[in-house]
């Protein structure tokens, strides 16, 4: 039977903090975004300019997935669709319904032999949500699950609940915290991105930016820090990835084969080569949001096929939120 231990402590904070606030873990944020058992929400935004050509002697209408806002970049006027969000509901607004709808589907026309550039976006108000895996401990989910805090004359009073999932006398400790990986990349192939099913309409090129927003959703008060590893959220198969901001800490292969063994002081199997001492020391320069380190190019996450295990991984030490950005580019032929 699980027990809940009540704790109470006092911490001086800024007087600007609101009083009478409360949150509960685990659960979901008010707008329905899921988070794992350490409160992390993972959202992906995409902004791509795609060059397409119609090689047919007649016009073609391309249907767009409403997940994406889009804008056709040409001189014939406003064509596209944008979205906004109110009370957890996303609304889509076509710029010109006559030009951007056919058979009640949303999309755009490409004229005979025309080449167009179309901007596709997944914006902040309609982000693609990735459900991160839970952080694992030997003691299960024995941790803080609820917190209430009240500001009285500049002093912050806490009271809350800590879940105890064990009734046994052992263990006394539940291991040492280390940055467990909370996600695995989603692999996107060209035919999955653009299932045009038409021999005349072709994708020639795309280029743009992917943004991963990480939020400690219940941590508006800034009370808790989180420590974990996160992988690049989306890999466009065959495309170049570059301009990582902030730069990634290591690859998945280095994370699994070298970093975890050295960090935990465990001898790796089969005498696996480990990082040199100087490289390891430089890996832990603590900044406001990230443990930056060597750029060389968890255990509870199974990577997808076709990644080559060399996709980027970041070691994150985070308060409320941070963003990771990188560019992608692909050309036919």
C-alpha atoms as a PDB file:
ATOM      1  CA  UNK A   1       0.000   0.000   0.000  1.00  0.00           C
ATOM      2  CA  UNK A   2       1.356   3.381  -1.015  1.00  0.00           C
ATOM      3  CA  UNK A   3       1.862   5.997   1.686  1.00  0.00           C
ATOM      4  CA  UNK A   4       1.875   9.764   1.459  1.00  0.00           C
ATOM      5  CA  UNK A   5       4.216  11.616   3.802  1.00  0.00           C
ATOM      6  CA  UNK A   6       3.414  15.245   4.544  1.00  0.00           C
ATOM      7  CA  UNK A   7       6.356  17.652   4.499  1.00  0.00           C
ATOM      8  CA  UNK A   8       6.673  21.292   5.551  1.00  0.00           C
ATOM      9  CA  UNK A   9       9.489  23.739   5.020  1.00  0.00           C
ATOM     10  CA  UNK A  10      10.082  27.460   4.596  1.00  0.00           C
ATOM     11  CA  UNK A  11      12.073  29.221   1.906  1.00  0.00           C
ATOM     12  CA  UNK A  12      12.637  32.936   1.366  1.00  0.00           C
ATOM     13  CA  UNK A  13      11.597  33.933  -2.141  1.00  0.00           C
ATOM     14  CA  UNK A  14      10.830  37.135  -4.055  1.00  0.00           C
ATOM     15  CA  UNK A  15       7.759  38.984  -2.829  1.00  0.00           C
ATOM     16  CA  UNK A  16       6.406  39.111  -6.381  1.00  0.00           C
ATOM     17  CA  UNK A  17       5.444  35.426  -6.274  1.00  0.00           C
ATOM     18  CA  UNK A  18       1.692  34.860  -6.234  1.00  0.00           C
ATOM     19  CA  UNK A  19       0.166  33.414  -3.081  1.00  0.00           C
ATOM     20  CA  UNK A  20      -2.043  30.392  -2.662  1.00  0.00           C
ATOM     21  CA  UNK A  21      -0.739  28.518  -5.692  1.00  0.00           C
ATOM     22  CA  UNK A  22      -0.894  24.742  -6.059  1.00  0.00           C
ATOM     23  CA  UNK A  23      -0.098  21.952  -8.506  1.00  0.00           C
ATOM     24  CA  UNK A  24      -0.061  18.184  -8.608  1.00  0.00           C
ATOM     25  CA  UNK A  25       2.259  15.646 -10.226  1.00  0.00           C
ATOM     26  CA  UNK A  26       1.787  13.579 -12.271  1.00  0.00           C
ATOM     27  CA  UNK A  27      -1.081  14.753 -14.444  1.00  0.00           C
ATOM     28  CA  UNK A  28      -1.578  17.184 -17.280  1.00  0.00           C
ATOM     29  CA  UNK A  29      -1.324  20.911 -17.717  1.00  0.00           C
ATOM     30  CA  UNK A  30      -4.497  23.031 -17.850  1.00  0.00           C
ATOM     31  CA  UNK A  31      -4.472  23.078 -21.672  1.00  0.00           C
ATOM     32  CA  UNK A  32      -4.240  19.293 -21.850  1.00  0.00           C
ATOM     33  CA  UNK A  33      -0.546  18.878 -22.723  1.00  0.00           C
ATOM     34  CA  UNK A  34       0.811  15.631 -21.241  1.00  0.00           C
ATOM     35  CA  UNK A  35       3.916  15.545 -19.084  1.00  0.00           C
ATOM     36  CA  UNK A  36       5.929  12.747 -17.552  1.00  0.00           C
ATOM     37  CA  UNK A  37       6.512  12.036 -13.863  1.00  0.00           C
ATOM     38  CA  UNK A  38       9.125  14.817 -13.564  1.00  0.00           C
ATOM     39  CA  UNK A  39       6.827  17.362 -15.177  1.00  0.00           C
ATOM     40  CA  UNK A  40       8.448  17.676 -18.631  1.00  0.00           C
ATOM     41  CA  UNK A  41       6.320  18.714 -21.614  1.00  0.00           C
ATOM     42  CA  UNK A  42       7.950  18.268 -25.050  1.00  0.00           C
ATOM     43  CA  UNK A  43       6.581  20.301 -27.951  1.00  0.00           C
ATOM     44  CA  UNK A  44       7.824  20.389 -31.546  1.00  0.00           C
ATOM     45  CA  UNK A  45       7.380  23.328 -33.932  1.00  0.00           C
ATOM     46  CA  UNK A  46       8.296  23.127 -37.625  1.00  0.00           C
ATOM     47  CA  UNK A  47       8.862  25.885 -40.204  1.00  0.00           C
ATOM     48  CA  UNK A  48       9.743  24.606 -43.708  1.00  0.00           C
ATOM     49  CA  UNK A  49       9.902  26.258 -47.118  1.00  0.00           C
ATOM     50  CA  UNK A  50       9.159  23.583 -49.723  1.00  0.00           C
ATOM     51  CA  UNK A  51       9.772  23.983 -53.471  1.00  0.00           C
ATOM     52  CA  UNK A  52       7.299  22.014 -55.603  1.00  0.00           C
ATOM     53  CA  UNK A  53       6.751  21.723 -59.357  1.00  0.00           C
ATOM     54  CA  UNK A  54       3.784  20.658 -61.488  1.00  0.00           C
ATOM     55  CA  UNK A  55       5.087  19.060 -64.702  1.00  0.00           C
ATOM     56  CA  UNK A  56       1.584  18.401 -66.067  1.00  0.00           C
ATOM     57  CA  UNK A  57      -0.186  20.492 -68.779  1.00  0.00           C
ATOM     58  CA  UNK A  58      -3.140  20.952 -66.435  1.00  0.00           C
ATOM     59  CA  UNK A  59      -3.538  22.429 -62.925  1.00  0.00           C
ATOM     60  CA  UNK A  60      -3.242  20.350 -59.762  1.00  0.00           C
ATOM     61  CA  UNK A  61      -4.750  20.901 -56.300  1.00  0.00           C
ATOM     62  CA  UNK A  62      -2.526  19.764 -53.404  1.00  0.00           C
ATOM     63  CA  UNK A  63      -4.372  18.879 -50.182  1.00  0.00           C
ATOM     64  CA  UNK A  64      -2.678  20.061 -46.964  1.00  0.00           C
ATOM     65  CA  UNK A  65      -2.738  18.358 -43.570  1.00  0.00           C
ATOM     66  CA  UNK A  66      -4.553  20.851 -41.260  1.00  0.00           C
ATOM     67  CA  UNK A  67      -1.856  20.233 -38.634  1.00  0.00           C
ATOM     68  CA  UNK A  68       0.216  22.658 -40.717  1.00  0.00           C
ATOM     69  CA  UNK A  69      -0.352  26.327 -41.337  1.00  0.00           C
ATOM     70  CA  UNK A  70       0.737  27.100 -44.892  1.00  0.00           C
ATOM     71  CA  UNK A  71       1.356  30.023 -47.207  1.00  0.00           C
ATOM     72  CA  UNK A  72       1.959  29.881 -50.954  1.00  0.00           C
ATOM     73  CA  UNK A  73       4.754  32.309 -51.777  1.00  0.00           C
ATOM     74  CA  UNK A  74       3.857  33.920 -55.114  1.00  0.00           C
ATOM     75  CA  UNK A  75       2.630  37.270 -56.464  1.00  0.00           C
ATOM     76  CA  UNK A  76      -0.991  36.280 -57.099  1.00  0.00           C
ATOM     77  CA  UNK A  77      -2.235  37.297 -53.658  1.00  0.00           C
ATOM     78  CA  UNK A  78      -2.741  35.768 -50.214  1.00  0.00           C
ATOM     79  CA  UNK A  79      -3.084  32.003 -50.289  1.00  0.00           C
ATOM     80  CA  UNK A  80      -2.825  29.784 -47.268  1.00  0.00           C
ATOM     81  CA  UNK A  81      -4.156  29.097 -43.804  1.00  0.00           C
ATOM     82  CA  UNK A  82      -3.182  30.139 -40.290  1.00  0.00           C
ATOM     83  CA  UNK A  83      -4.365  28.921 -36.900  1.00  0.00           C
ATOM     84  CA  UNK A  84      -4.961  30.294 -33.446  1.00  0.00           C
ATOM     85  CA  UNK A  85      -5.858  28.708 -30.127  1.00  0.00           C
ATOM     86  CA  UNK A  86      -8.561  29.692 -27.612  1.00  0.00           C
ATOM     87  CA  UNK A  87      -9.251  27.782 -24.384  1.00  0.00           C
ATOM     88  CA  UNK A  88      -7.466  24.683 -25.617  1.00  0.00           C
ATOM     89  CA  UNK A  89      -9.229  24.606 -29.008  1.00  0.00           C
ATOM     90  CA  UNK A  90      -7.369  25.269 -32.264  1.00  0.00           C
ATOM     91  CA  UNK A  91      -9.137  27.251 -34.974  1.00  0.00           C
ATOM     92  CA  UNK A  92      -7.992  27.298 -38.628  1.00  0.00           C
ATOM     93  CA  UNK A  93      -8.568  30.340 -40.829  1.00  0.00           C
ATOM     94  CA  UNK A  94      -8.075  30.123 -44.629  1.00  0.00           C
ATOM     95  CA  UNK A  95      -6.719  33.348 -46.134  1.00  0.00           C
ATOM     96  CA  UNK A  96      -8.774  32.984 -49.321  1.00  0.00           C
ATOM     97  CA  UNK A  97     -11.385  30.236 -49.237  1.00  0.00           C
ATOM     98  CA  UNK A  98     -11.986  30.219 -53.014  1.00  0.00           C
ATOM     99  CA  UNK A  99      -8.295  29.671 -53.743  1.00  0.00           C
ATOM    100  CA  UNK A 100      -7.497  27.362 -50.839  1.00  0.00           C
ATOM    101  CA  UNK A 101     -10.409  24.893 -50.814  1.00  0.00           C
ATOM    102  CA  UNK A 102     -11.729  22.205 -53.150  1.00  0.00           C
ATOM    103  CA  UNK A 103     -14.352  19.548 -52.307  1.00  0.00           C
ATOM    104  CA  UNK A 104     -14.261  21.144 -48.819  1.00  0.00           C
ATOM    105  CA  UNK A 105     -10.605  20.160 -48.397  1.00  0.00           C
ATOM    106  CA  UNK A 106      -7.940  22.774 -47.674  1.00  0.00           C
ATOM    107  CA  UNK A 107      -4.931  23.150 -49.955  1.00  0.00           C
ATOM    108  CA  UNK A 108      -3.526  25.089 -52.903  1.00  0.00           C
ATOM    109  CA  UNK A 109      -3.375  25.045 -56.711  1.00  0.00           C
ATOM    110  CA  UNK A 110      -0.246  24.576 -58.817  1.00  0.00           C
ATOM    111  CA  UNK A 111      -0.690  25.720 -62.384  1.00  0.00           C
ATOM    112  CA  UNK A 112       0.700  23.798 -65.413  1.00  0.00           C
ATOM    113  CA  UNK A 113       4.510  23.745 -65.432  1.00  0.00           C
ATOM    114  CA  UNK A 114       4.577  26.056 -62.421  1.00  0.00           C
ATOM    115  CA  UNK A 115       7.187  25.927 -59.669  1.00  0.00           C
ATOM    116  CA  UNK A 116       6.083  27.317 -56.307  1.00  0.00           C
ATOM    117  CA  UNK A 117       7.521  27.700 -52.820  1.00  0.00           C
ATOM    118  CA  UNK A 118       5.131  26.829 -49.989  1.00  0.00           C
ATOM    119  CA  UNK A 119       5.807  27.609 -46.357  1.00  0.00           C
ATOM    120  CA  UNK A 120       4.540  24.879 -44.015  1.00  0.00           C
ATOM    121  CA  UNK A 121       4.452  25.616 -40.286  1.00  0.00           C
ATOM    122  CA  UNK A 122       3.497  23.882 -37.065  1.00  0.00           C
ATOM    123  CA  UNK A 123       3.274  26.979 -34.837  1.00  0.00           C
ATOM    124  CA  UNK A 124       3.482  27.365 -31.072  1.00  0.00           C
ATOM    125  CA  UNK A 125      -0.298  27.529 -30.729  1.00  0.00           C
ATOM    126  CA  UNK A 126      -0.746  24.158 -32.455  1.00  0.00           C
ATOM    127  CA  UNK A 127       2.489  22.365 -31.541  1.00  0.00           C
ATOM    128  CA  UNK A 128       3.163  18.668 -32.098  1.00  0.00           C
ATOM    129  CA  UNK A 129       3.309  17.013 -28.675  1.00  0.00           C
ATOM    130  CA  UNK A 130       5.796  14.285 -27.802  1.00  0.00           C
ATOM    131  CA  UNK A 131       4.959  12.240 -24.703  1.00  0.00           C
ATOM    132  CA  UNK A 132       8.245  11.844 -22.770  1.00  0.00           C
ATOM    133  CA  UNK A 133       8.921   8.625 -20.897  1.00  0.00           C
ATOM    134  CA  UNK A 134       8.921   8.632 -17.102  1.00  0.00           C
ATOM    135  CA  UNK A 135      12.082   8.976 -15.036  1.00  0.00           C
ATOM    136  CA  UNK A 136      12.914   5.592 -13.451  1.00  0.00           C
ATOM    137  CA  UNK A 137      14.068   4.957  -9.887  1.00  0.00           C
ATOM    138  CA  UNK A 138      14.737   1.830  -7.838  1.00  0.00           C
ATOM    139  CA  UNK A 139      12.138   3.103  -5.371  1.00  0.00           C
ATOM    140  CA  UNK A 140       9.572   3.480  -8.137  1.00  0.00           C
ATOM    141  CA  UNK A 141       7.636   6.733  -8.081  1.00  0.00           C
ATOM    142  CA  UNK A 142       8.494   7.750  -4.510  1.00  0.00           C
ATOM    143  CA  UNK A 143       8.712  11.511  -4.942  1.00  0.00           C
ATOM    144  CA  UNK A 144       6.917  14.814  -4.455  1.00  0.00           C
ATOM    145  CA  UNK A 145       3.438  14.527  -5.948  1.00  0.00           C
ATOM    146  CA  UNK A 146       1.715  17.679  -4.677  1.00  0.00           C
ATOM    147  CA  UNK A 147       2.762  21.100  -3.479  1.00  0.00           C
ATOM    148  CA  UNK A 148       0.963  24.102  -2.063  1.00  0.00           C
ATOM    149  CA  UNK A 149       2.719  27.358  -1.327  1.00  0.00           C
ATOM    150  CA  UNK A 150       1.594  30.604   0.218  1.00  0.00           C
ATOM    151  CA  UNK A 151       3.457  33.905   0.470  1.00  0.00           C
ATOM    152  CA  UNK A 152       3.172  35.650   3.828  1.00  0.00           C
ATOM    153  CA  UNK A 153       5.083  38.907   4.372  1.00  0.00           C
ATOM    154  CA  UNK A 154       7.783  37.926   1.894  1.00  0.00           C
ATOM    155  CA  UNK A 155       8.199  34.404   3.283  1.00  0.00           C
ATOM    156  CA  UNK A 156       7.128  31.397   1.230  1.00  0.00           C
ATOM    157  CA  UNK A 157       5.490  28.564   3.196  1.00  0.00           C
ATOM    158  CA  UNK A 158       5.290  25.125   1.602  1.00  0.00           C
ATOM    159  CA  UNK A 159       3.220  22.093   2.421  1.00  0.00           C
ATOM    160  CA  UNK A 160       2.605  19.095   0.262  1.00  0.00           C
ATOM    161  CA  UNK A 161       2.815  15.360  -0.204  1.00  0.00           C
ATOM    162  CA  UNK A 162       5.594  12.891  -0.915  1.00  0.00           C
ATOM    163  CA  UNK A 163       4.556   9.484  -2.204  1.00  0.00           C
ATOM    164  CA  UNK A 164       6.196   6.418  -0.647  1.00  0.00           C
ATOM    165  CA  UNK A 165       5.813   3.317  -2.813  1.00  0.00           C
ATOM    166  CA  UNK A 166       7.676   0.945  -0.490  1.00  0.00           C
ATOM    167  CA  UNK A 167       6.728  -0.366   2.961  1.00  0.00           C
ATOM    168  CA  UNK A 168       9.995  -2.280   3.426  1.00  0.00           C
ATOM    169  CA  UNK A 169      12.940  -1.275   5.640  1.00  0.00           C
ATOM    170  CA  UNK A 170      15.285  -1.355   2.654  1.00  0.00           C
ATOM    171  CA  UNK A 171      16.606   0.244   0.586  1.00  0.00           C
ATOM    172  CA  UNK A 172      17.645   3.363   2.480  1.00  0.00           C
ATOM    173  CA  UNK A 173      18.625   5.131  -0.735  1.00  0.00           C
ATOM    174  CA  UNK A 174      17.200   4.769  -4.219  1.00  0.00           C
ATOM    175  CA  UNK A 175      20.274   5.273  -6.348  1.00  0.00           C
ATOM    176  CA  UNK A 176      22.078   8.369  -7.631  1.00  0.00           C
ATOM    177  CA  UNK A 177      20.405  10.745 -10.064  1.00  0.00           C
ATOM    178  CA  UNK A 178      21.722  10.591 -13.615  1.00  0.00           C
ATOM    179  CA  UNK A 179      20.401  12.093 -16.875  1.00  0.00           C
ATOM    180  CA  UNK A 180      18.043   9.476 -18.263  1.00  0.00           C
ATOM    181  CA  UNK A 181      16.877   9.840 -21.860  1.00  0.00           C
ATOM    182  CA  UNK A 182      13.212  10.863 -22.074  1.00  0.00           C
ATOM    183  CA  UNK A 183      12.527  10.501 -25.806  1.00  0.00           C
ATOM    184  CA  UNK A 184      13.533   8.933 -29.090  1.00  0.00           C
ATOM    185  CA  UNK A 185      13.542  10.638 -32.509  1.00  0.00           C
ATOM    186  CA  UNK A 186      10.664  10.322 -34.923  1.00  0.00           C
ATOM    187  CA  UNK A 187      12.001   9.397 -38.380  1.00  0.00           C
ATOM    188  CA  UNK A 188      10.282  11.198 -41.273  1.00  0.00           C
ATOM    189  CA  UNK A 189      10.748   9.914 -44.821  1.00  0.00           C
ATOM    190  CA  UNK A 190      10.060  12.006 -47.919  1.00  0.00           C
ATOM    191  CA  UNK A 191       7.146   9.834 -49.032  1.00  0.00           C
ATOM    192  CA  UNK A 192       5.610  10.128 -45.575  1.00  0.00           C
ATOM    193  CA  UNK A 193       6.026  13.898 -45.561  1.00  0.00           C
ATOM    194  CA  UNK A 194       4.654  14.372 -49.070  1.00  0.00           C
ATOM    195  CA  UNK A 195       2.431  11.411 -50.075  1.00  0.00           C
ATOM    196  CA  UNK A 196       1.357  13.217 -53.257  1.00  0.00           C
ATOM    197  CA  UNK A 197       0.322  10.073 -55.178  1.00  0.00           C
ATOM    198  CA  UNK A 198       0.787  11.961 -58.435  1.00  0.00           C
ATOM    199  CA  UNK A 199       3.530  11.497 -61.009  1.00  0.00           C
ATOM    200  CA  UNK A 200       3.377  15.105 -62.154  1.00  0.00           C
ATOM    201  CA  UNK A 201       3.741  16.940 -58.828  1.00  0.00           C
ATOM    202  CA  UNK A 202       7.245  16.674 -57.408  1.00  0.00           C
ATOM    203  CA  UNK A 203       9.122  18.026 -54.387  1.00  0.00           C
ATOM    204  CA  UNK A 204      12.419  19.571 -55.445  1.00  0.00           C
ATOM    205  CA  UNK A 205      13.780  21.028 -52.217  1.00  0.00           C
ATOM    206  CA  UNK A 206      12.909  21.898 -48.638  1.00  0.00           C
ATOM    207  CA  UNK A 207      14.688  23.888 -45.987  1.00  0.00           C
ATOM    208  CA  UNK A 208      13.682  25.172 -42.579  1.00  0.00           C
ATOM    209  CA  UNK A 209      13.907  25.025 -38.810  1.00  0.00           C
ATOM    210  CA  UNK A 210      12.716  22.575 -36.162  1.00  0.00           C
ATOM    211  CA  UNK A 211      12.218  23.831 -32.595  1.00  0.00           C
ATOM    212  CA  UNK A 212      11.892  21.641 -29.512  1.00  0.00           C
ATOM    213  CA  UNK A 213      10.412  23.420 -26.506  1.00  0.00           C
ATOM    214  CA  UNK A 214      10.955  21.711 -23.132  1.00  0.00           C
ATOM    215  CA  UNK A 215       8.849  22.945 -20.231  1.00  0.00           C
ATOM    216  CA  UNK A 216       8.730  21.894 -16.605  1.00  0.00           C
ATOM    217  CA  UNK A 217       5.004  22.472 -16.740  1.00  0.00           C
ATOM    218  CA  UNK A 218       4.129  22.714 -13.032  1.00  0.00           C
ATOM    219  CA  UNK A 219       7.222  24.773 -12.168  1.00  0.00           C
ATOM    220  CA  UNK A 220       5.901  28.306 -12.606  1.00  0.00           C
ATOM    221  CA  UNK A 221       7.228  29.160  -9.137  1.00  0.00           C
ATOM    222  CA  UNK A 222      10.745  28.153 -10.149  1.00  0.00           C
ATOM    223  CA  UNK A 223      11.092  25.871  -7.119  1.00  0.00           C
ATOM    224  CA  UNK A 224      12.326  22.702  -8.821  1.00  0.00           C
ATOM    225  CA  UNK A 225      15.139  21.893 -11.229  1.00  0.00           C
ATOM    226  CA  UNK A 226      15.143  18.916 -13.594  1.00  0.00           C
ATOM    227  CA  UNK A 227      18.073  16.836 -14.838  1.00  0.00           C
ATOM    228  CA  UNK A 228      17.648  14.571 -17.879  1.00  0.00           C
ATOM    229  CA  UNK A 229      18.816  13.790 -21.419  1.00  0.00           C
ATOM    230  CA  UNK A 230      16.805  14.569 -24.533  1.00  0.00           C
ATOM    231  CA  UNK A 231      17.347  13.424 -28.108  1.00  0.00           C
ATOM    232  CA  UNK A 232      16.694  15.361 -31.292  1.00  0.00           C
ATOM    233  CA  UNK A 233      12.877  15.087 -31.675  1.00  0.00           C
ATOM    234  CA  UNK A 234      12.602  14.661 -35.469  1.00  0.00           C
ATOM    235  CA  UNK A 235      15.032  13.244 -38.025  1.00  0.00           C
ATOM    236  CA  UNK A 236      14.254  13.985 -41.690  1.00  0.00           C
ATOM    237  CA  UNK A 237      15.661  10.939 -43.442  1.00  0.00           C
ATOM    238  CA  UNK A 238      18.230  11.894 -46.072  1.00  0.00           C
ATOM    239  CA  UNK A 239      18.245  15.568 -45.058  1.00  0.00           C
ATOM    240  CA  UNK A 240      21.108  17.540 -43.568  1.00  0.00           C
ATOM    241  CA  UNK A 241      20.788  18.702 -39.954  1.00  0.00           C
ATOM    242  CA  UNK A 242      22.918  21.656 -38.851  1.00  0.00           C
ATOM    243  CA  UNK A 243      23.026  24.919 -36.827  1.00  0.00           C
ATOM    244  CA  UNK A 244      22.131  23.255 -33.529  1.00  0.00           C
ATOM    245  CA  UNK A 245      21.300  25.872 -30.877  1.00  0.00           C
ATOM    246  CA  UNK A 246      22.486  25.164 -28.255  1.00  0.00           C
ATOM    247  CA  UNK A 247      25.011  22.728 -29.605  1.00  0.00           C
ATOM    248  CA  UNK A 248      24.290  19.119 -28.712  1.00  0.00           C
ATOM    249  CA  UNK A 249      26.334  17.494 -25.963  1.00  0.00           C
ATOM    250  CA  UNK A 250      26.992  14.154 -27.637  1.00  0.00           C
ATOM    251  CA  UNK A 251      25.495  11.559 -29.951  1.00  0.00           C
ATOM    252  CA  UNK A 252      23.207   8.762 -28.818  1.00  0.00           C
ATOM    253  CA  UNK A 253      26.003   6.270 -29.448  1.00  0.00           C
ATOM    254  CA  UNK A 254      28.350   8.205 -27.147  1.00  0.00           C
ATOM    255  CA  UNK A 255      25.608   8.604 -24.560  1.00  0.00           C
ATOM    256  CA  UNK A 256      24.910   4.861 -24.372  1.00  0.00           C
ATOM    257  CA  UNK A 257      28.384   3.442 -25.037  1.00  0.00           C
ATOM    258  CA  UNK A 258      30.572   5.873 -23.071  1.00  0.00           C
ATOM    259  CA  UNK A 259      28.870   8.613 -21.093  1.00  0.00           C
ATOM    260  CA  UNK A 260      26.517   6.587 -18.877  1.00  0.00           C
ATOM    261  CA  UNK A 261      29.276   4.188 -17.805  1.00  0.00           C
ATOM    262  CA  UNK A 262      31.736   6.941 -16.930  1.00  0.00           C
ATOM    263  CA  UNK A 263      29.160   9.130 -15.166  1.00  0.00           C
ATOM    264  CA  UNK A 264      27.993   6.268 -12.972  1.00  0.00           C
ATOM    265  CA  UNK A 265      31.500   4.930 -12.349  1.00  0.00           C
ATOM    266  CA  UNK A 266      30.716   1.529 -13.799  1.00  0.00           C
ATOM    267  CA  UNK A 267      33.113  -0.490 -15.971  1.00  0.00           C
ATOM    268  CA  UNK A 268      31.529  -0.887 -19.420  1.00  0.00           C
ATOM    269  CA  UNK A 269      31.186  -4.398 -20.855  1.00  0.00           C
ATOM    270  CA  UNK A 270      33.659  -5.763 -23.408  1.00  0.00           C
ATOM    271  CA  UNK A 271      36.241  -3.078 -22.493  1.00  0.00           C
ATOM    272  CA  UNK A 272      34.364  -0.446 -24.478  1.00  0.00           C
ATOM    273  CA  UNK A 273      36.553   2.589 -25.159  1.00  0.00           C
ATOM    274  CA  UNK A 274      35.662   5.499 -22.886  1.00  0.00           C
ATOM    275  CA  UNK A 275      36.128   9.246 -23.094  1.00  0.00           C
ATOM    276  CA  UNK A 276      39.472  10.668 -22.080  1.00  0.00           C
ATOM    277  CA  UNK A 277      39.557  12.327 -18.672  1.00  0.00           C
ATOM    278  CA  UNK A 278      40.013  15.837 -20.097  1.00  0.00           C
ATOM    279  CA  UNK A 279      37.005  15.430 -22.398  1.00  0.00           C
ATOM    280  CA  UNK A 280      34.914  14.107 -19.545  1.00  0.00           C
ATOM    281  CA  UNK A 281      35.774  17.058 -17.302  1.00  0.00           C
ATOM    282  CA  UNK A 282      34.787  19.574 -19.995  1.00  0.00           C
ATOM    283  CA  UNK A 283      31.438  17.903 -20.385  1.00  0.00           C
ATOM    284  CA  UNK A 284      30.142  19.368 -17.143  1.00  0.00           C
ATOM    285  CA  UNK A 285      30.301  23.119 -17.462  1.00  0.00           C
ATOM    286  CA  UNK A 286      27.093  24.103 -15.708  1.00  0.00           C
ATOM    287  CA  UNK A 287      25.161  26.966 -17.331  1.00  0.00           C
ATOM    288  CA  UNK A 288      21.735  28.434 -16.630  1.00  0.00           C
ATOM    289  CA  UNK A 289      19.883  25.917 -18.753  1.00  0.00           C
ATOM    290  CA  UNK A 290      22.236  23.300 -20.080  1.00  0.00           C
ATOM    291  CA  UNK A 291      25.204  21.127 -19.274  1.00  0.00           C
ATOM    292  CA  UNK A 292      27.268  21.958 -22.313  1.00  0.00           C
ATOM    293  CA  UNK A 293      30.102  19.778 -23.397  1.00  0.00           C
ATOM    294  CA  UNK A 294      32.126  18.133 -26.090  1.00  0.00           C
ATOM    295  CA  UNK A 295      30.420  17.874 -29.462  1.00  0.00           C
ATOM    296  CA  UNK A 296      31.533  14.588 -30.935  1.00  0.00           C
ATOM    297  CA  UNK A 297      29.801  14.709 -33.952  1.00  0.00           C
ATOM    298  CA  UNK A 298      18.420   5.715 -22.161  1.00  0.00           C
ATOM    299  CA  UNK A 299      18.450   2.871 -21.224  1.00  0.00           C
ATOM    300  CA  UNK A 300      14.602   3.071 -21.135  1.00  0.00           C
ATOM    301  CA  UNK A 301      14.156   4.334 -24.719  1.00  0.00           C
ATOM    302  CA  UNK A 302      14.443   2.140 -27.810  1.00  0.00           C
ATOM    303  CA  UNK A 303      15.774   4.111 -30.800  1.00  0.00           C
ATOM    304  CA  UNK A 304      14.005   3.687 -34.153  1.00  0.00           C
ATOM    305  CA  UNK A 305      15.617   1.994 -37.110  1.00  0.00           C
ATOM    306  CA  UNK A 306      17.504   4.014 -39.739  1.00  0.00           C
ATOM    307  CA  UNK A 307      18.909   6.507 -37.195  1.00  0.00           C
ATOM    308  CA  UNK A 308      22.404   5.033 -37.178  1.00  0.00           C
ATOM    309  CA  UNK A 309      22.559   5.820 -33.419  1.00  0.00           C
ATOM    310  CA  UNK A 310      24.486   9.016 -34.212  1.00  0.00           C
ATOM    311  CA  UNK A 311      21.644  11.462 -33.710  1.00  0.00           C
ATOM    312  CA  UNK A 312      22.243  14.352 -31.272  1.00  0.00           C
ATOM    313  CA  UNK A 313      21.555  14.139 -27.541  1.00  0.00           C
ATOM    314  CA  UNK A 314      21.553  17.018 -25.043  1.00  0.00           C
ATOM    315  CA  UNK A 315      22.227  16.750 -21.300  1.00  0.00           C
ATOM    316  CA  UNK A 316      19.815  19.218 -19.729  1.00  0.00           C
ATOM    317  CA  UNK A 317      19.785  20.873 -16.317  1.00  0.00           C
ATOM    318  CA  UNK A 318      16.660  23.019 -16.453  1.00  0.00           C
ATOM    319  CA  UNK A 319      14.421  25.140 -14.296  1.00  0.00           C
ATOM    320  CA  UNK A 320      11.196  26.212 -16.001  1.00  0.00           C
ATOM    321  CA  UNK A 321      11.876  25.896 -19.740  1.00  0.00           C
ATOM    322  CA  UNK A 322      14.355  25.940 -22.629  1.00  0.00           C
ATOM    323  CA  UNK A 323      14.313  25.610 -26.427  1.00  0.00           C
ATOM    324  CA  UNK A 324      16.478  23.616 -28.824  1.00  0.00           C
ATOM    325  CA  UNK A 325      16.619  24.614 -32.501  1.00  0.00           C
ATOM    326  CA  UNK A 326      18.233  23.136 -35.595  1.00  0.00           C
ATOM    327  CA  UNK A 327      18.002  23.565 -39.364  1.00  0.00           C
ATOM    328  CA  UNK A 328      17.191  20.866 -41.931  1.00  0.00           C
ATOM    329  CA  UNK A 329      17.683  20.858 -45.697  1.00  0.00           C
ATOM    330  CA  UNK A 330      17.035  18.388 -48.504  1.00  0.00           C
ATOM    331  CA  UNK A 331      17.304  18.530 -52.312  1.00  0.00           C
ATOM    332  CA  UNK A 332      16.176  16.045 -54.963  1.00  0.00           C
ATOM    333  CA  UNK A 333      18.982  14.271 -56.765  1.00  0.00           C
END
